[in-house]
């Protein structure tokens, strides 16, 4: 008589556990599978070397985020640090480089790059030449 009773009790326990597991699904109560769940993020920095960069994008229709900051980070600039600031707009000088057919463009562009020039545009000219427009700060 104990075996059938133990069997019935174990089946009842298994059914109850299955019902609890089904109700507490990983979907956090979404209506249908595949719907997004509520985002929950916890970032904990345990030291100065564990800073975690965070980028939040596409929040046009989302409610504002609530952020809890624990501890106040200290930012110091030592005497050896040099801060540069630019008061006026950056002025540029421009240069045109013509690359003839058969000429190695990498050699020409590396030589110009060593002088601080960077490519801003490329065009094909009439005689098969490639015209590269370059700029550098004045």
Protein backbone atom coordinates (compact mmCIF):
# COMPACT_ATOMS: atom_id res chain seq x y z
CA UNK A 1 0.00 0.00 0.00
CA UNK A 2 2.94 2.38 0.59
CA UNK A 3 4.25 2.05 -3.00
CA UNK A 4 1.06 3.32 -4.69
CA UNK A 5 0.75 6.16 -2.17
CA UNK A 6 4.40 7.18 -2.71
CA UNK A 7 3.88 7.02 -6.47
CA UNK A 8 0.76 9.22 -6.34
CA UNK A 9 2.48 11.75 -4.08
CA UNK A 10 5.56 11.95 -6.31
CA UNK A 11 3.37 12.49 -9.39
CA UNK A 12 1.50 15.28 -7.60
CA UNK A 13 4.77 16.95 -6.60
CA UNK A 14 6.10 16.73 -10.17
CA UNK A 15 2.88 18.22 -11.57
CA UNK A 16 2.96 21.06 -9.05
CA UNK A 17 6.62 21.83 -9.84
CA UNK A 18 5.87 21.78 -13.57
CA UNK A 19 3.00 24.23 -13.11
CA UNK A 20 5.21 26.59 -11.10
CA UNK A 21 7.99 26.40 -13.70
CA UNK A 22 5.53 27.09 -16.52
CA UNK A 23 4.09 30.14 -14.74
CA UNK A 24 7.55 31.59 -13.96
CA UNK A 25 8.87 31.51 -17.55
CA UNK A 26 11.87 33.46 -18.77
CA UNK A 27 9.58 35.69 -20.84
CA UNK A 28 8.62 37.84 -17.82
CA UNK A 29 4.95 37.56 -18.61
CA UNK A 30 4.95 38.49 -22.32
CA UNK A 31 1.82 37.64 -24.27
CA UNK A 32 3.57 35.65 -26.99
CA UNK A 33 6.97 34.03 -27.40
CA UNK A 34 9.48 36.31 -29.08
CA UNK A 35 8.22 39.55 -27.61
CA UNK A 36 10.94 41.63 -25.95
CA UNK A 37 11.21 41.44 -22.21
CA UNK A 38 11.90 44.25 -19.76
CA UNK A 39 15.56 45.25 -19.92
CA UNK A 40 17.36 44.97 -16.61
CA UNK A 41 21.03 45.93 -16.49
CA UNK A 42 23.34 46.02 -13.49
CA UNK A 43 26.82 47.44 -13.94
CA UNK A 44 29.17 47.22 -11.02
CA UNK A 45 32.70 48.53 -11.22
CA UNK A 46 34.84 47.01 -8.52
CA UNK A 47 37.82 49.26 -9.12
CA UNK A 48 39.25 52.05 -11.24
CA UNK A 49 40.37 49.59 -13.91
CA UNK A 50 36.90 48.13 -14.49
CA UNK A 51 35.09 51.06 -16.09
CA UNK A 52 32.32 49.81 -18.38
CA UNK A 53 31.42 51.99 -21.38
CA UNK A 54 27.68 52.16 -21.99
CA UNK A 55 25.92 53.25 -25.17
CA UNK A 56 22.14 53.63 -25.20
CA UNK A 57 20.57 54.02 -28.62
CA UNK A 58 17.10 54.21 -30.23
CA UNK A 59 15.23 55.69 -27.27
CA UNK A 60 12.83 57.90 -29.23
CA UNK A 61 9.69 56.18 -27.93
CA UNK A 62 11.01 54.69 -24.70
CA UNK A 63 10.30 56.19 -21.28
CA UNK A 64 13.21 57.96 -19.58
CA UNK A 65 15.69 55.74 -17.82
CA UNK A 66 16.15 55.84 -14.08
CA UNK A 67 19.83 55.72 -13.17
CA UNK A 68 21.20 55.29 -9.70
CA UNK A 69 24.77 56.49 -9.23
CA UNK A 70 26.51 55.17 -6.16
CA UNK A 71 29.71 56.93 -5.22
CA UNK A 72 31.09 60.05 -6.83
CA UNK A 73 34.01 59.52 -9.21
CA UNK A 74 36.98 61.80 -8.69
CA UNK A 75 38.54 63.38 -11.76
CA UNK A 76 41.89 65.06 -11.35
CA UNK A 77 44.27 66.54 -13.85
CA UNK A 78 47.87 66.37 -12.77
CA UNK A 79 50.42 69.13 -13.32
CA UNK A 80 52.06 67.18 -16.15
CA UNK A 81 48.82 67.05 -18.15
CA UNK A 82 48.44 69.51 -20.99
CA UNK A 83 45.00 70.43 -22.20
CA UNK A 84 44.71 71.88 -25.67
CA UNK A 85 41.76 73.95 -26.71
CA UNK A 86 40.84 75.32 -30.05
CA UNK A 87 39.27 78.78 -30.00
CA UNK A 88 38.78 79.21 -33.74
CA UNK A 89 37.60 76.89 -36.47
CA UNK A 90 40.17 74.53 -37.89
CA UNK A 91 41.53 75.87 -41.17
CA UNK A 92 42.69 73.41 -43.81
CA UNK A 93 44.97 73.51 -46.79
CA UNK A 94 44.16 71.38 -49.79
CA UNK A 95 46.25 69.64 -52.41
CA UNK A 96 45.54 67.75 -55.61
CA UNK A 97 47.58 64.64 -56.44
CA UNK A 98 47.47 63.20 -59.95
CA UNK A 99 48.16 59.48 -60.30
CA UNK A 100 49.01 58.47 -63.86
CA UNK A 101 47.90 55.12 -65.35
CA UNK A 102 50.38 52.43 -64.36
CA UNK A 103 51.74 54.46 -61.44
CA UNK A 104 51.52 52.82 -58.00
CA UNK A 105 48.93 54.82 -56.01
CA UNK A 106 50.08 53.39 -52.67
CA UNK A 107 53.56 54.88 -53.06
CA UNK A 108 52.17 58.31 -53.96
CA UNK A 109 49.60 58.32 -51.13
CA UNK A 110 52.09 57.06 -48.52
CA UNK A 111 54.52 59.85 -49.45
CA UNK A 112 51.77 62.47 -49.08
CA UNK A 113 50.53 60.85 -45.84
CA UNK A 114 54.01 61.10 -44.34
CA UNK A 115 53.73 64.89 -44.78
CA UNK A 116 50.39 64.98 -42.90
CA UNK A 117 48.01 64.87 -45.89
CA UNK A 118 44.85 62.76 -45.81
CA UNK A 119 42.56 61.84 -48.69
CA UNK A 120 39.20 63.59 -48.90
CA UNK A 121 38.04 62.63 -52.38
CA UNK A 122 38.88 60.72 -55.56
CA UNK A 123 37.89 61.45 -59.17
CA UNK A 124 38.77 59.91 -62.52
CA UNK A 125 40.11 62.40 -65.08
CA UNK A 126 40.00 62.30 -68.89
CA UNK A 127 43.26 60.57 -69.80
CA UNK A 128 42.79 57.72 -67.32
CA UNK A 129 44.42 59.70 -64.55
CA UNK A 130 43.14 59.47 -61.02
CA UNK A 131 42.86 62.77 -59.18
CA UNK A 132 43.06 62.57 -55.39
CA UNK A 133 42.07 65.59 -53.31
CA UNK A 134 43.92 65.76 -49.99
CA UNK A 135 43.81 68.04 -46.95
CA UNK A 136 45.83 68.77 -43.80
CA UNK A 137 45.50 71.29 -40.97
CA UNK A 138 47.25 74.62 -41.46
